[in-house]
Protein backbone atom coordinates (compact mmCIF):
# COMPACT_ATOMS: atom_id res chain seq x y z
CA MET A 1 25.68 4.11 64.20
CA ALA A 2 26.52 1.82 61.30
CA ASP A 3 24.89 2.31 57.93
CA LYS A 4 21.39 0.93 57.81
CA GLY A 5 21.12 -2.12 55.63
CA ALA A 6 24.91 -2.52 55.46
CA GLY A 7 24.53 -6.21 56.29
CA LYS A 8 21.97 -6.72 53.52
CA GLU A 9 24.06 -5.43 50.62
CA ARG A 10 24.41 -7.97 47.79
CA PHE A 11 25.86 -8.19 44.31
CA THR A 12 22.91 -7.86 41.96
CA THR A 13 24.06 -10.47 39.41
CA LYS A 14 26.33 -13.50 39.20
CA TRP A 15 28.48 -11.70 36.60
CA GLY A 16 28.72 -8.70 38.89
CA LEU A 17 30.20 -10.99 41.54
CA ILE A 18 32.59 -12.78 39.15
CA LEU A 19 33.82 -9.57 37.52
CA SER A 20 34.31 -7.96 40.93
CA VAL A 21 36.25 -10.95 42.24
CA LEU A 22 38.28 -11.01 39.02
CA GLY A 23 38.92 -7.36 39.83
CA ILE A 24 40.57 -8.61 43.04
CA ALA A 25 42.49 -11.37 41.31
CA VAL A 26 43.53 -9.64 38.10
CA GLY A 27 46.03 -7.01 39.14
CA THR A 28 49.63 -6.00 38.74
CA GLY A 29 50.58 -9.49 39.94
CA ASN A 30 49.39 -10.77 36.56
CA ILE A 31 50.94 -8.13 34.31
CA TRP A 32 53.81 -6.67 36.36
CA ARG A 33 54.96 -9.71 38.33
CA PHE A 34 54.01 -12.97 36.59
CA PRO A 35 56.03 -12.64 33.33
CA ARG A 36 59.18 -11.73 35.28
CA ILE A 37 58.75 -14.62 37.74
CA ALA A 38 58.19 -17.04 34.84
CA ALA A 39 61.39 -15.80 33.18
CA GLU A 40 63.38 -16.02 36.42
CA ASN A 41 62.30 -19.62 36.99
CA GLY A 42 62.78 -20.83 33.43
CA GLY A 43 65.56 -23.25 32.59
CA GLU A 44 67.74 -23.40 29.52
CA ALA A 45 65.00 -25.04 27.47
CA GLY A 46 62.06 -22.96 28.70
CA ALA A 47 59.70 -21.88 31.48
CA GLY A 48 57.07 -24.58 30.95
CA ALA A 49 58.05 -26.50 34.09
CA PHE A 50 57.34 -23.41 36.19
CA LEU A 51 53.90 -23.20 34.58
CA ILE A 52 53.25 -26.81 35.61
CA ALA A 53 54.10 -26.03 39.25
CA TRP A 54 52.04 -22.84 39.04
CA VAL A 55 48.94 -24.66 37.73
CA THR A 56 49.44 -27.38 40.37
CA PHE A 57 49.21 -24.77 43.13
CA LEU A 58 46.12 -23.30 41.48
CA LEU A 59 44.42 -26.63 42.22
CA ILE A 60 45.93 -27.44 45.63
CA TRP A 61 46.23 -23.93 47.08
CA SER A 62 44.28 -21.16 45.36
CA VAL A 63 40.98 -22.79 44.39
CA PRO A 64 40.51 -24.64 47.74
CA LEU A 65 41.22 -21.41 49.66
CA ILE A 66 38.95 -19.35 47.37
CA ILE A 67 36.15 -21.86 48.10
CA ALA A 68 36.87 -21.43 51.82
CA GLU A 69 36.83 -17.63 51.57
CA TYR A 70 33.56 -17.53 49.65
CA GLY A 71 31.98 -19.85 52.22
CA ILE A 72 33.32 -17.99 55.27
CA GLY A 73 32.23 -14.61 53.88
CA ARG A 74 28.75 -15.69 52.80
CA ASN A 75 28.15 -17.49 56.09
CA GLY A 76 29.33 -14.58 58.24
CA ARG A 77 27.94 -11.70 56.13
CA LYS A 78 30.58 -9.49 57.75
CA GLY A 79 34.14 -8.41 57.03
CA VAL A 80 37.22 -10.52 57.68
CA ILE A 81 37.14 -10.34 61.49
CA GLY A 82 33.38 -10.77 61.96
CA SER A 83 33.13 -13.71 59.57
CA TYR A 84 36.25 -15.31 61.06
CA ILE A 85 34.78 -15.06 64.57
CA LYS A 86 31.57 -16.75 63.41
CA MET A 87 33.67 -19.57 61.97
CA ALA A 88 36.35 -20.11 64.64
CA GLY A 89 35.08 -18.39 67.79
CA GLU A 90 35.68 -15.10 69.64
CA LYS A 91 39.05 -16.04 71.11
CA PHE A 92 40.46 -16.29 67.58
CA ALA A 93 39.41 -12.78 66.54
CA TRP A 94 43.12 -11.86 66.46
CA MET A 95 43.65 -14.38 63.65
CA GLY A 96 40.98 -12.76 61.51
CA ALA A 97 42.53 -9.39 62.33
CA PHE A 98 45.94 -10.62 61.18
CA VAL A 99 44.53 -11.92 57.88
CA GLY A 100 42.88 -8.56 57.30
CA PHE A 101 46.02 -6.65 58.30
CA VAL A 102 48.22 -8.55 55.83
CA ALA A 103 46.01 -7.40 52.95
CA THR A 104 45.84 -3.88 54.39
CA ALA A 105 49.62 -3.71 54.77
CA ILE A 106 49.90 -4.75 51.13
CA MET A 107 47.38 -2.02 50.26
CA PHE A 108 49.72 0.61 51.73
CA TYR A 109 52.37 -0.04 49.09
CA TYR A 110 50.14 -1.51 46.38
CA SER A 111 48.57 1.91 45.88
CA VAL A 112 52.12 3.15 45.17
CA VAL A 113 52.45 0.63 42.32
CA ALA A 114 49.01 1.68 41.09
CA GLY A 115 50.30 5.25 41.10
CA TRP A 116 53.37 4.22 39.07
CA SER A 117 51.04 2.61 36.51
CA LEU A 118 48.91 5.74 36.23
CA TYR A 119 52.00 7.95 35.89
CA TYR A 120 53.42 5.83 33.07
CA PHE A 121 50.02 5.81 31.35
CA VAL A 122 50.02 9.62 31.40
CA GLU A 123 53.70 9.72 30.43
CA SER A 124 53.08 7.41 27.45
CA ILE A 125 50.45 9.88 26.17
CA ILE A 126 52.26 13.20 26.65
CA ALA A 127 55.96 12.35 26.27
CA PRO A 128 58.13 10.59 23.67
CA LEU A 129 59.00 6.97 24.45
CA PRO A 130 62.59 6.41 25.70
CA GLN A 131 64.94 5.20 22.97
CA ASN A 132 67.56 3.51 25.17
CA VAL A 133 68.22 2.33 28.71
CA GLU A 134 69.78 5.65 29.68
CA GLN A 135 66.66 7.58 28.71
CA ALA A 136 64.40 5.02 30.39
CA SER A 137 66.48 5.24 33.58
CA MET A 138 66.31 9.04 33.47
CA VAL A 139 62.50 8.91 33.27
CA TRP A 140 62.31 6.42 36.15
CA GLU A 141 64.91 8.15 38.35
CA GLY A 142 63.46 11.59 37.64
CA PHE A 143 60.04 10.30 38.64
CA GLN A 144 61.32 8.63 41.82
CA SER A 145 63.37 11.65 42.93
CA SER A 146 60.35 13.94 42.69
CA ALA A 147 57.14 14.23 44.68
CA MET A 148 55.25 12.50 41.85
CA PRO A 149 55.17 8.97 43.40
CA SER A 150 53.48 10.42 46.50
CA ILE A 151 51.08 12.51 44.41
CA PHE A 152 50.01 9.60 42.20
CA HIS A 153 49.78 7.35 45.27
CA ALA A 154 47.34 9.90 46.74
CA ILE A 155 45.35 10.11 43.49
CA MET A 156 44.80 6.35 43.38
CA ILE A 157 43.82 6.19 47.06
CA ILE A 158 41.31 9.04 46.59
CA LEU A 159 39.80 7.49 43.45
CA GLY A 160 39.48 4.14 45.22
CA GLY A 161 37.83 5.81 48.21
CA LEU A 162 35.25 7.49 45.98
CA VAL A 163 34.18 4.08 44.65
CA ILE A 164 34.02 2.53 48.14
CA LEU A 165 31.92 5.40 49.56
CA LYS A 166 28.89 4.17 47.60
CA GLY A 167 29.13 0.54 48.72
CA VAL A 168 28.94 -2.77 46.90
CA LYS A 169 26.73 -1.50 44.04
CA SER A 170 29.39 1.05 43.15
CA ILE A 171 32.09 -1.64 43.33
CA GLU A 172 30.02 -3.86 41.04
CA ARG A 173 29.35 -1.07 38.51
CA MET A 174 33.01 -0.04 38.42
CA ASN A 175 34.25 -3.61 37.85
CA LYS A 176 31.67 -4.15 35.10
CA ILE A 177 33.51 -1.35 33.28
CA LEU A 178 37.12 -2.00 34.37
CA ILE A 179 37.42 -5.75 33.82
CA PRO A 180 35.87 -6.01 30.31
CA SER A 181 37.91 -2.92 29.32
CA LEU A 182 41.06 -4.53 30.68
CA LEU A 183 40.36 -7.77 28.81
CA LEU A 184 39.76 -5.84 25.58
CA VAL A 185 43.07 -4.01 26.01
CA LEU A 186 44.88 -7.31 26.63
CA VAL A 187 43.31 -9.03 23.61
CA VAL A 188 44.28 -6.14 21.32
CA SER A 189 47.79 -6.15 22.80
CA LEU A 190 48.02 -9.92 22.39
CA PHE A 191 47.26 -9.76 18.65
CA ARG A 192 49.76 -6.95 18.18
CA ALA A 193 52.50 -8.80 20.09
CA LEU A 194 51.98 -12.04 18.18
CA THR A 195 52.36 -10.23 14.83
CA LEU A 196 55.94 -9.19 15.70
CA GLU A 197 58.60 -11.05 13.75
CA GLY A 198 60.40 -13.39 16.15
CA SER A 199 57.58 -13.41 18.71
CA GLY A 200 57.20 -17.18 18.26
CA ALA A 201 60.54 -17.73 20.00
CA GLY A 202 59.19 -16.03 23.11
CA VAL A 203 55.98 -18.08 23.11
CA SER A 204 57.98 -21.26 22.54
CA TYR A 205 60.28 -20.52 25.46
CA LEU A 206 57.35 -19.70 27.75
CA PHE A 207 55.60 -23.03 27.17
CA THR A 208 58.56 -25.41 26.72
CA PRO A 209 59.30 -27.39 29.92
CA ASP A 210 62.81 -27.78 31.26
CA TRP A 211 62.03 -30.82 33.41
CA ALA A 212 65.21 -30.58 35.47
CA THR A 213 64.02 -27.34 37.08
CA LEU A 214 61.15 -29.19 38.80
CA LYS A 215 63.77 -30.63 41.18
CA GLU A 216 64.51 -27.16 42.55
CA PRO A 217 62.52 -26.36 45.74
CA ARG A 218 62.83 -22.64 45.04
CA LEU A 219 60.75 -23.04 41.86
CA TRP A 220 57.89 -24.51 43.91
CA LEU A 221 58.12 -21.71 46.49
CA GLU A 222 58.01 -19.12 43.71
CA ALA A 223 55.08 -20.92 42.03
CA LEU A 224 53.03 -20.92 45.25
CA THR A 225 53.88 -17.30 46.08
CA GLN A 226 52.96 -16.23 42.55
CA ASN A 227 49.68 -18.14 42.73
CA ALA A 228 48.79 -16.37 45.97
CA TRP A 229 49.65 -13.03 44.33
CA ASP A 230 47.84 -13.98 41.12
CA THR A 231 44.51 -15.15 42.43
CA GLY A 232 44.11 -13.17 45.65
CA ALA A 233 43.63 -16.43 47.57
CA ALA A 234 44.12 -16.08 51.35
CA TRP A 235 44.19 -12.28 51.26
CA GLY A 236 40.74 -12.02 52.88
CA LEU A 237 39.59 -9.97 49.86
CA ILE A 238 37.43 -12.71 48.36
CA LEU A 239 36.08 -13.38 51.88
CA THR A 240 35.02 -9.72 52.05
CA TYR A 241 33.24 -9.85 48.69
CA GLY A 242 31.80 -13.23 49.72
CA ALA A 243 29.78 -11.37 52.36
CA TYR A 244 27.87 -9.76 49.48
CA MET A 245 27.39 -13.05 47.60
CA ARG A 246 23.83 -14.18 46.90
CA THR A 247 22.71 -17.43 48.55
CA ARG A 248 21.79 -18.93 45.19
CA ASP A 249 25.27 -18.43 43.69
CA ASP A 250 27.29 -21.65 43.47
CA ILE A 251 30.48 -21.29 45.52
CA THR A 252 32.43 -24.12 43.87
CA ILE A 253 31.70 -23.00 40.31
CA SER A 254 32.44 -19.38 41.24
CA ALA A 255 35.80 -20.40 42.76
CA PHE A 256 36.89 -22.31 39.66
CA GLN A 257 35.73 -19.46 37.42
CA THR A 258 37.75 -17.03 39.53
CA GLY A 259 40.94 -19.11 39.65
CA ILE A 260 40.96 -20.29 36.04
CA GLY A 261 39.85 -16.92 34.66
CA ASN A 262 42.62 -15.18 36.58
CA ASN A 263 45.32 -17.60 35.45
CA LEU A 264 44.25 -17.27 31.82
CA VAL A 265 44.78 -13.51 32.15
CA SER A 266 48.25 -14.13 33.61
CA LEU A 267 49.13 -16.39 30.69
CA MET A 268 47.82 -13.80 28.23
CA ALA A 269 49.99 -11.13 29.88
CA ALA A 270 53.02 -13.43 29.77
CA VAL A 271 52.50 -14.22 26.08
CA ILE A 272 52.23 -10.46 25.36
CA ILE A 273 55.45 -9.62 27.20
CA PHE A 274 57.51 -12.65 26.08
CA SER A 275 56.39 -12.04 22.47
CA THR A 276 57.20 -8.33 22.70
CA VAL A 277 60.63 -8.80 24.28
CA PHE A 278 61.74 -11.66 22.02
CA GLY A 279 60.15 -10.10 18.93
CA THR A 280 61.85 -6.77 19.51
CA LEU A 281 65.26 -7.86 20.81
CA GLY A 282 65.59 -11.34 19.30
CA ALA A 283 67.09 -10.16 16.02
CA ASP A 284 70.08 -8.54 17.76
CA MET A 285 70.49 -10.67 20.90
CA SER A 286 70.74 -14.32 21.84
CA ASP A 287 67.93 -15.97 23.80
CA GLY A 288 70.14 -15.87 26.90
CA GLU A 289 70.69 -12.12 26.59
CA VAL A 290 66.97 -11.51 26.08
CA LEU A 291 66.15 -13.58 29.15
CA SER A 292 68.72 -11.75 31.28
CA ILE A 293 66.86 -8.51 30.52
CA MET A 294 63.54 -10.10 31.50
CA ARG A 295 65.03 -11.48 34.72
CA ASP A 296 66.71 -8.24 35.76
CA SER A 297 63.93 -6.93 37.95
CA GLY A 298 65.61 -3.59 38.64
CA PRO A 299 64.83 -1.46 41.68
CA ALA A 300 61.74 -2.82 43.47
CA SER A 301 61.06 -5.20 40.55
CA THR A 302 60.47 -2.32 38.15
CA GLY A 303 63.00 -3.16 35.46
CA LEU A 304 60.99 -5.08 32.86
CA THR A 305 57.66 -3.26 33.14
CA PHE A 306 58.65 0.35 33.73
CA MET A 307 62.12 0.54 32.16
CA TRP A 308 62.35 -1.98 29.30
CA MET A 309 58.80 -2.13 27.95
CA PRO A 310 58.66 1.59 27.01
CA GLN A 311 61.94 1.17 25.07
CA LEU A 312 60.58 -1.85 23.23
CA PHE A 313 57.42 0.03 22.28
CA ASP A 314 59.59 2.81 20.82
CA VAL A 315 61.06 0.51 18.16
CA MET A 316 57.75 -1.16 17.27
CA ALA A 317 55.50 0.00 14.48
CA GLY A 318 52.55 1.61 16.24
CA GLY A 319 54.44 1.30 19.51
CA LYS A 320 53.10 4.57 20.92
CA ILE A 321 49.53 3.30 20.79
CA PHE A 322 50.65 -0.09 22.15
CA ALA A 323 52.41 1.65 25.09
CA ILE A 324 49.29 3.66 25.93
CA LEU A 325 47.15 0.50 25.84
CA PHE A 326 49.65 -1.48 27.92
CA PHE A 327 49.84 1.07 30.73
CA LEU A 328 46.10 1.71 30.58
CA GLY A 329 45.54 -2.01 31.13
CA LEU A 330 48.07 -2.06 33.96
CA THR A 331 46.34 0.91 35.61
CA PHE A 332 42.91 -0.72 35.31
CA ALA A 333 44.27 -3.96 36.80
CA ALA A 334 45.92 -2.16 39.70
CA PHE A 335 42.89 0.01 40.44
CA SER A 336 40.37 -2.86 40.51
CA SER A 337 42.55 -4.71 43.03
CA LEU A 338 43.13 -1.58 45.12
CA ILE A 339 39.36 -1.06 45.41
CA SER A 340 39.00 -4.49 47.03
CA MET A 341 41.79 -3.77 49.54
CA ILE A 342 40.19 -0.50 50.61
CA GLU A 343 36.82 -2.26 50.92
CA LEU A 344 38.32 -5.01 53.11
CA ALA A 345 39.55 -2.53 55.72
CA THR A 346 36.45 -0.34 55.42
CA LYS A 347 34.13 -3.30 55.98
CA VAL A 348 35.96 -4.21 59.21
CA PHE A 349 35.21 -0.74 60.63
CA ILE A 350 31.60 -0.83 59.39
CA ASP A 351 31.17 -4.09 61.32
CA MET A 352 32.34 -2.21 64.43
CA GLY A 353 29.59 0.39 64.07
CA VAL A 354 31.34 3.10 62.07
CA THR A 355 29.45 4.63 59.13
CA ARG A 356 30.72 3.75 55.66
CA THR A 357 31.64 7.38 55.01
CA LYS A 358 33.74 7.75 58.17
CA ALA A 359 35.29 4.29 57.72
CA THR A 360 36.27 5.02 54.11
CA VAL A 361 37.80 8.39 54.99
CA ALA A 362 39.75 6.82 57.88
CA VAL A 363 41.04 3.91 55.77
CA CYS A 364 42.04 6.12 52.85
CA THR A 365 43.77 8.61 55.15
CA ALA A 366 45.69 5.79 56.85
CA GLY A 367 46.41 4.24 53.44
CA PHE A 368 47.94 7.47 52.19
CA LEU A 369 50.02 8.11 55.34
CA PHE A 370 51.30 4.55 55.80
CA GLY A 371 51.94 4.28 52.06
CA LEU A 372 54.11 7.41 51.98
CA PRO A 373 57.31 5.64 53.16
CA SER A 374 56.99 3.18 50.22
CA ALA A 375 56.31 6.06 47.84
CA ILE A 376 59.41 7.89 49.06
CA SER A 377 61.83 4.97 49.50
CA LEU A 378 62.20 1.97 47.18
CA ASP A 379 64.13 0.17 49.94
CA PHE A 380 61.18 0.49 52.30
CA PHE A 381 58.85 -0.58 49.48
CA ALA A 382 60.95 -3.70 48.81
CA ASN A 383 60.95 -4.58 52.51
CA GLN A 384 57.17 -4.35 52.79
CA ASP A 385 56.69 -6.39 49.63
CA PHE A 386 59.02 -9.05 51.06
CA VAL A 387 57.45 -9.17 54.54
CA TRP A 388 53.78 -9.19 53.65
CA GLY A 389 54.25 -11.45 50.63
CA VAL A 390 55.36 -14.05 53.20
CA GLY A 391 52.34 -13.02 55.27
CA LEU A 392 50.09 -14.45 52.56
CA LEU A 393 51.41 -17.93 53.39
CA ALA A 394 50.50 -17.40 57.06
CA SER A 395 47.06 -16.10 56.03
CA GLY A 396 46.43 -19.28 54.04
CA GLY A 397 47.20 -21.34 57.13
CA LEU A 398 44.86 -19.23 59.29
CA ILE A 399 41.97 -19.56 56.83
CA SER A 400 42.52 -23.32 56.73
CA PHE A 401 42.53 -23.33 60.56
CA ALA A 402 39.15 -21.54 60.71
CA VAL A 403 37.56 -24.12 58.41
CA VAL A 404 39.05 -27.03 60.37
CA LYS A 405 37.87 -25.45 63.65
CA PHE A 406 34.35 -25.20 62.24
CA GLY A 407 34.59 -28.71 60.78
CA ALA A 408 35.80 -29.11 57.20
CA ASP A 409 33.19 -31.72 56.24
CA ARG A 410 30.45 -29.74 57.94
CA PHE A 411 31.63 -26.63 56.06
CA ARG A 412 31.56 -28.50 52.76
CA THR A 413 28.15 -30.13 53.24
CA THR A 414 26.27 -27.20 54.83
CA LEU A 415 27.87 -23.97 53.62
CA VAL A 416 29.12 -24.91 50.14
CA ASN A 417 26.81 -27.71 48.97
CA ASN A 418 23.47 -25.99 49.58
CA GLU A 419 20.17 -26.53 47.78
CA HIS A 420 21.20 -24.10 45.01
CA SER A 421 24.51 -25.84 44.20
CA ARG A 422 24.77 -27.19 40.68
CA PHE A 423 28.15 -28.76 41.44
CA GLN A 424 28.60 -30.79 44.62
CA LEU A 425 32.00 -30.21 46.20
CA GLY A 426 33.66 -33.57 46.93
CA LYS A 427 35.72 -34.91 49.84
CA TRP A 428 38.93 -34.11 47.96
CA TRP A 429 38.48 -30.51 49.11
CA THR A 430 38.22 -31.57 52.76
CA PHE A 431 41.49 -33.47 52.45
CA ILE A 432 43.28 -30.52 50.86
CA ILE A 433 42.01 -27.93 53.35
CA LYS A 434 42.74 -30.13 56.40
CA TYR A 435 46.08 -31.64 55.43
CA VAL A 436 47.58 -30.31 52.19
CA ILE A 437 47.29 -26.57 52.94
CA PRO A 438 48.91 -26.84 56.43
CA VAL A 439 51.73 -28.99 55.01
CA GLU A 440 52.27 -26.44 52.22
CA VAL A 441 52.38 -23.57 54.71
CA ILE A 442 54.79 -25.26 57.12
CA SER A 443 57.12 -26.71 54.50
CA LEU A 444 57.26 -23.55 52.38
CA LEU A 445 57.73 -21.25 55.36
CA THR A 446 60.57 -23.50 56.53
CA TRP A 447 62.11 -23.45 53.09
CA TRP A 448 61.68 -19.68 52.89
CA ILE A 449 63.47 -19.24 56.25
CA TYR A 450 66.31 -21.42 54.98
CA LEU A 451 66.60 -19.37 51.78
CA SER A 452 66.54 -16.12 53.74
CA ALA A 453 69.32 -17.30 56.01
CA THR A 454 71.45 -18.73 53.19
CA SER A 455 70.64 -16.64 50.09
CA PHE A 456 68.57 -13.50 50.69
CA ALA A 457 70.44 -12.19 53.76
CA PRO A 458 73.09 -14.79 54.74
CA ASP A 459 75.17 -12.40 56.83
CA THR A 460 72.36 -10.34 58.35
CA TRP A 461 69.46 -12.81 58.71
CA TYR A 462 69.25 -11.98 62.44
CA ASN A 463 69.11 -8.19 61.88
CA PRO A 464 65.52 -6.80 61.82
CA LEU A 465 66.79 -3.65 60.07
CA ASP A 466 67.96 -5.65 57.05
CA PRO A 467 65.14 -5.43 54.47
CA PHE A 468 65.36 -9.11 53.44
CA SER A 469 66.23 -10.86 56.70
CA VAL A 470 64.30 -13.50 58.61
CA ALA A 471 64.31 -11.16 61.60
CA THR A 472 62.54 -8.28 59.84
CA VAL A 473 59.62 -10.57 58.99
CA PHE A 474 59.36 -12.08 62.47
CA VAL A 475 59.60 -8.71 64.23
CA GLN A 476 56.88 -7.12 62.09
CA PHE A 477 54.67 -10.20 62.42
CA ALA A 478 55.23 -10.24 66.19
CA ILE A 479 54.24 -6.58 66.58
CA ALA A 480 51.01 -7.06 64.61
CA ILE A 481 50.06 -10.36 66.28
CA GLY A 482 50.98 -9.04 69.75
CA LEU A 483 48.69 -6.03 69.36
CA PHE A 484 45.81 -8.08 67.99
CA LYS A 485 46.09 -10.69 70.74
CA PHE A 486 46.26 -7.99 73.43
CA TYR A 487 43.09 -6.35 72.10
CA ASN A 488 41.40 -9.63 71.09
CA ARG A 489 38.45 -9.26 73.46
CA LYS A 490 37.78 -5.63 72.51
CA ILE A 491 38.02 -6.44 68.81
CA ALA A 492 35.60 -9.36 69.20
CA GLU A 493 33.09 -7.42 71.33
CA LYS A 494 33.09 -4.41 69.02
CA THR A 495 32.52 -6.59 65.97
CA ILE A 496 29.84 -8.84 67.47
CA LEU A 497 27.77 -6.08 69.10
CA ASN A 498 27.16 -4.25 65.79
């Protein structure tokens, strides 16, 4: 039997909701991924044009989908599958299952990144900082060749499970500690980074537009992908927390607070890292050389965060303390997001009649086992990051489909604009969710397939065993969708009956 009262759990305060959803949104995508992506997509003059594309997608991708997720979750009061069924109908249960599986598949390797963050936090406390690239590589390679990635992966999964065992009140309490602590760490780090001599060059480069780069389709693809990573839009995570949202909370205001708050954190992280890298290396290197270091992502995109940043801290006054703070913040960000991913999968099983305790144990056990290949092999990790990052685009399309199936105007006027709404959502949202989101999904997926066939894996695009081929994505998608469609009726019945 399911837990009594599981369907009546609510966040106790508006700030509890916002901080918890920021816990979803603010993760390693902000601190680990965003600065590198901004550097990679900067032109000769600067990265400001990428920021323009990134903010554009905040308004025409992330915020509209966050509004949709809040509304679907609060209306359904169940997890991803149950709320999706209530919106689109039983025969589309497989779509809700796919949305939930994309986030769960990301959870399998995301906990590995969370483990890396925790390891480097501990390492920054107990060991000297590396003084050069050789020492940094030795630390990284020694870590990766040991059992430590698997052990720290397990630690993060277990800690996340302990929070989820107690339900939404535990999630809320934890995020009330984690998110303010993370913001405090970032603010302290920001002031320290900006006091470095030469840091202004990094800030200037970050915000100066190179208008010619806006003509490059790849920049727009990267901006959308980063926005999906940044905000958590279309993961089904906000939908899951939306099930615990109070009726009197304003969906539209909450969505803008979530999206804008998250992007401000990303910008803060970028200013910290650009200031640190330029301020530390700028005296001895040209801007081009500094940028090449920032763009060199290293194995599984680890280069800047886990290999260069510790070296930079070593040559800074007070760098040891700064390193500890940086990796503490990264660990907090990763853990708050990991909690939401575990909750998403756990909530699906609770909706099917499993107790929260059994569901949490099952999800965490599966999370550890299915995450082991990514903990052991960086090639496998990179493949999963590639495949399910693309899956977020598909998830956005499926969430848009559910709203359109329900009736976008009906959704807006009955589920979002209720009697408690202080801000009335306008028809612009209906237009975006019905037309703009599907066009974005189709055009960007098409462009991604083209890039995969011409740039990522031009000679092996048809080989499903190539980690960056078109075929590996389609085969893994097909397996997941095939299973969910085959068991669609059972999934729907199990979810609806409980």
